[in-house]
Protein backbone atom coordinates (compact mmCIF):
# COMPACT_ATOMS: atom_id res chain seq x y z
CA MET A 1 5.09 46.02 -53.44
CA ALA A 2 2.02 45.79 -51.22
CA ASN A 3 1.34 49.03 -49.37
CA ARG A 4 -2.33 48.88 -48.39
CA VAL A 5 -4.38 46.86 -45.92
CA GLU A 6 -8.17 46.77 -46.04
CA LEU A 7 -9.72 45.54 -42.80
CA VAL A 8 -13.28 44.19 -42.86
CA PHE A 9 -14.69 45.58 -39.63
CA ASP A 10 -17.67 45.23 -37.31
CA PHE A 11 -17.66 46.61 -33.77
CA VAL A 12 -19.39 43.49 -32.43
CA SER A 13 -16.33 41.31 -33.03
CA PRO A 14 -13.91 41.04 -30.09
CA ASN A 15 -11.26 40.06 -32.61
CA ALA A 16 -11.79 43.33 -34.47
CA TYR A 17 -10.71 45.10 -31.29
CA LEU A 18 -7.83 42.74 -30.61
CA VAL A 19 -6.35 42.95 -34.10
CA TRP A 20 -6.77 46.71 -34.47
CA TRP A 21 -3.87 48.08 -32.45
CA PRO A 22 -1.24 45.53 -33.54
CA LEU A 23 -2.35 45.95 -37.15
CA ARG A 24 -2.19 49.74 -36.88
CA GLU A 25 1.35 49.51 -35.50
CA LEU A 26 2.39 47.08 -38.26
CA VAL A 27 0.92 49.25 -41.02
CA ASN A 28 2.57 52.37 -39.61
CA ARG A 29 5.91 50.62 -39.29
CA HIS A 30 5.87 49.80 -42.99
CA GLU A 31 4.48 53.21 -43.99
CA ALA A 32 1.48 51.51 -45.55
CA GLU A 33 -2.18 52.57 -45.66
CA LEU A 34 -4.99 51.16 -43.56
CA ASP A 35 -8.55 51.31 -44.81
CA VAL A 36 -11.67 50.16 -42.97
CA ILE A 37 -14.45 48.34 -44.80
CA PRO A 38 -17.61 48.55 -42.68
CA ALA A 39 -19.57 45.31 -42.97
CA PHE A 40 -22.35 43.68 -40.97
CA LEU A 41 -20.99 40.48 -39.43
CA ALA A 42 -24.42 38.93 -38.92
CA GLY A 43 -25.11 39.51 -42.61
CA MET A 44 -21.79 37.91 -43.54
CA HIS A 45 -22.68 34.86 -41.47
CA LYS A 46 -26.08 34.61 -43.14
CA LEU A 47 -24.60 34.88 -46.63
CA THR A 48 -21.86 32.32 -46.00
CA GLY A 49 -23.54 29.87 -43.62
CA ASN A 50 -20.94 30.71 -40.97
CA ALA A 51 -21.65 31.16 -37.25
CA PRO A 52 -19.83 32.53 -34.19
CA PRO A 53 -17.21 29.98 -33.04
CA MET A 54 -18.66 29.81 -29.53
CA HIS A 55 -21.84 28.39 -31.06
CA ARG A 56 -20.42 26.61 -34.10
CA ASP A 57 -17.81 24.70 -32.08
CA ALA A 58 -19.75 24.25 -28.86
CA GLU A 59 -19.99 20.47 -29.31
CA VAL A 60 -16.33 20.01 -30.25
CA LYS A 61 -14.55 18.96 -27.08
CA GLY A 62 -11.73 21.33 -26.18
CA LYS A 63 -11.94 23.58 -29.22
CA ASN A 64 -13.43 26.68 -27.63
CA ASP A 65 -11.18 26.24 -24.59
CA TYR A 66 -8.17 26.23 -26.90
CA ALA A 67 -9.46 29.29 -28.75
CA MET A 68 -9.65 31.14 -25.42
CA LEU A 69 -6.08 30.06 -24.64
CA GLU A 70 -4.87 31.47 -27.96
CA MET A 71 -6.78 34.69 -27.29
CA GLN A 72 -5.08 35.09 -23.92
CA ARG A 73 -1.69 34.48 -25.53
CA PHE A 74 -2.43 37.17 -28.14
CA ILE A 75 -3.58 39.61 -25.45
CA ALA A 76 -0.40 39.02 -23.44
CA LYS A 77 1.88 39.30 -26.49
CA HIS A 78 0.44 42.64 -27.58
CA GLY A 79 -0.23 44.15 -24.16
CA LEU A 80 -3.99 44.37 -24.63
CA THR A 81 -4.64 43.81 -20.95
CA LYS A 82 -7.45 46.40 -20.73
CA TYR A 83 -9.69 44.23 -22.92
CA ARG A 84 -12.93 43.15 -21.29
CA LEU A 85 -15.73 41.14 -22.87
CA HIS A 86 -18.53 43.64 -23.34
CA PRO A 87 -21.38 43.13 -20.82
CA GLN A 88 -23.96 43.36 -23.64
CA PHE A 89 -22.13 40.94 -25.95
CA PRO A 90 -23.29 39.84 -28.45
CA PHE A 91 -24.88 43.22 -29.09
CA ASN A 92 -26.68 44.40 -32.22
CA SER A 93 -24.10 46.49 -34.07
CA ILE A 94 -26.22 47.61 -37.03
CA LEU A 95 -26.52 51.26 -35.89
CA LEU A 96 -22.80 51.52 -35.14
CA GLN A 97 -21.97 49.98 -38.50
CA ARG A 98 -24.21 52.39 -40.35
CA MET A 99 -22.66 55.32 -38.50
CA LEU A 100 -19.21 53.96 -39.34
CA THR A 101 -20.28 53.73 -42.98
CA ALA A 102 -21.32 57.39 -42.90
CA ALA A 103 -18.05 58.40 -41.27
CA ASP A 104 -16.12 56.35 -43.81
CA GLN A 105 -17.91 58.18 -46.62
CA ASP A 106 -16.42 61.33 -45.09
CA GLY A 107 -12.96 59.79 -45.13
CA ARG A 108 -12.95 59.35 -41.35
CA GLY A 109 -13.59 55.65 -40.95
CA VAL A 110 -10.32 54.93 -39.15
CA GLN A 111 -10.88 57.84 -36.76
CA PHE A 112 -14.43 56.69 -36.03
CA VAL A 113 -13.19 53.18 -35.16
CA GLU A 114 -10.52 54.58 -32.86
CA ALA A 115 -13.01 56.86 -31.13
CA LEU A 116 -15.21 53.94 -30.06
CA LEU A 117 -13.02 50.84 -29.78
CA ARG A 118 -11.60 51.51 -26.34
CA PRO A 119 -14.89 52.76 -24.82
CA ILE A 120 -16.66 49.64 -26.09
CA TRP A 121 -14.07 46.93 -25.42
CA GLU A 122 -12.27 48.38 -22.41
CA GLU A 123 -14.88 50.50 -20.64
CA GLY A 124 -18.13 48.68 -21.48
CA LEU A 125 -19.82 51.62 -23.23
CA ASP A 126 -23.60 51.20 -23.16
CA ILE A 127 -24.39 50.25 -26.76
CA ALA A 128 -28.11 50.73 -26.12
CA SER A 129 -27.62 54.40 -25.18
CA PRO A 130 -27.47 56.88 -28.07
CA GLU A 131 -26.58 59.53 -25.50
CA ALA A 132 -23.51 57.60 -24.34
CA ILE A 133 -22.38 56.88 -27.89
CA GLY A 134 -23.02 60.47 -28.93
CA ALA A 135 -20.99 61.85 -26.02
CA VAL A 136 -17.96 59.76 -27.00
CA LEU A 137 -18.20 60.79 -30.65
CA THR A 138 -18.66 64.45 -29.82
CA GLY A 139 -15.59 64.29 -27.60
CA ALA A 140 -13.65 62.84 -30.53
CA GLY A 141 -14.65 65.73 -32.81
CA PHE A 142 -17.53 64.13 -34.71
CA ASP A 143 -20.95 65.61 -35.39
CA ALA A 144 -22.83 62.84 -33.62
CA ALA A 145 -26.29 64.14 -34.57
CA ASP A 146 -25.32 64.16 -38.23
CA LEU A 147 -24.01 60.58 -38.08
CA PHE A 148 -27.12 59.35 -36.25
CA ALA A 149 -29.33 61.01 -38.86
CA ARG A 150 -27.38 59.66 -41.82
CA ALA A 151 -27.41 56.17 -40.32
CA GLN A 152 -31.18 56.17 -40.93
CA SER A 153 -30.86 57.12 -44.59
CA ASP A 154 -31.44 54.64 -47.40
CA GLU A 155 -28.12 55.66 -48.93
CA VAL A 156 -26.08 54.58 -45.90
CA LYS A 157 -28.16 51.47 -45.26
CA GLN A 158 -27.67 50.36 -48.86
CA ALA A 159 -23.97 51.19 -48.74
CA LEU A 160 -23.43 48.97 -45.71
CA ALA A 161 -25.40 46.14 -47.33
CA ALA A 162 -23.38 46.55 -50.53
CA ASN A 163 -20.11 46.44 -48.56
CA THR A 164 -21.23 43.25 -46.85
CA ASP A 165 -22.14 41.62 -50.16
CA ALA A 166 -18.87 42.77 -51.73
CA VAL A 167 -16.54 41.40 -49.05
CA VAL A 168 -18.34 38.05 -49.13
CA ALA A 169 -17.95 38.02 -52.92
CA ARG A 170 -14.21 38.55 -52.37
CA GLY A 171 -14.07 35.49 -50.10
CA ALA A 172 -14.61 36.90 -46.61
CA PHE A 173 -16.65 34.83 -44.17
CA GLY A 174 -15.80 36.37 -40.81
CA ILE A 175 -13.84 39.02 -38.92
CA PRO A 176 -11.04 39.94 -38.89
CA THR A 177 -10.55 39.56 -42.62
CA MET A 178 -7.79 41.61 -44.20
CA PHE A 179 -7.10 42.23 -47.88
CA VAL A 180 -3.52 43.26 -48.66
CA GLY A 181 -2.37 44.75 -51.94
CA THR A 182 -1.19 47.85 -53.75
CA THR A 183 -3.02 51.17 -53.77
CA GLY A 184 -4.90 51.60 -57.04
CA ALA A 185 -4.64 47.94 -58.02
CA PRO A 186 -7.79 45.90 -58.79
CA ALA A 187 -9.51 44.37 -55.79
CA ASP A 188 -9.06 40.86 -57.17
CA SER A 189 -5.27 41.31 -57.01
CA TYR A 190 -5.33 41.69 -53.21
CA GLU A 191 -4.45 38.71 -51.02
CA MET A 192 -6.91 37.72 -48.30
CA PHE A 193 -5.91 36.84 -44.75
CA PHE A 194 -8.30 35.72 -42.02
CA GLY A 195 -7.59 35.89 -38.31
CA LYS A 196 -5.45 37.99 -36.02
CA GLU A 197 -2.83 35.24 -36.06
CA ARG A 198 -1.96 36.17 -39.67
CA LEU A 199 -0.21 39.42 -38.80
CA GLY A 200 3.20 37.86 -39.41
CA GLN A 201 2.19 36.83 -42.92
CA ILE A 202 0.83 40.32 -43.61
CA GLU A 203 4.09 41.83 -42.39
CA ASP A 204 6.03 39.59 -44.76
CA LEU A 205 3.91 40.81 -47.67
CA LEU A 206 4.28 44.48 -46.73
CA ALA A 207 8.03 43.99 -46.32
CA GLY A 208 8.31 42.34 -49.74
CA ARG A 209 9.57 39.07 -48.31
């Protein structure tokens, strides 16, 4: 039975924030594992020919308005009322993603995400300020200086690029993409789900329904 969820993640995606807490609760409820796959959303878009919906669907009458309606419904359903569109959105997330990659190499990817999600998407953390980011990470028990330094290394840069290529090869084209399967099973045996609206389907799979 499925017992593992892999979440393709980039801090720049509002939907990555919105799906995180409900997905965490779902995974915990079924005593499953959650793994983060750091990827660079802009790179995913380039590789797949995709684009942010606000731009891609701008000329489709009513579509973006409806997407906002569905977002508000999701926020209300899951009590995510502290969400605020970041004042610097869309920001360049490459440094954050490289730091996340370094943290994930240490086995602390989930903790790194949870250290920064609320400051970014609820409190408007200044993404352009290494000092502000570093203060949050230090407060969460990370060695911020080490993560900043490793984010500049070729090893981490190549690892993030490789992750981005790999998730696209598996079929991902945007965020949130989730792969659900069994720990230790081949990656091609995992089922892919796209969008925060697929949580019910993921729950069915984890529950063996």
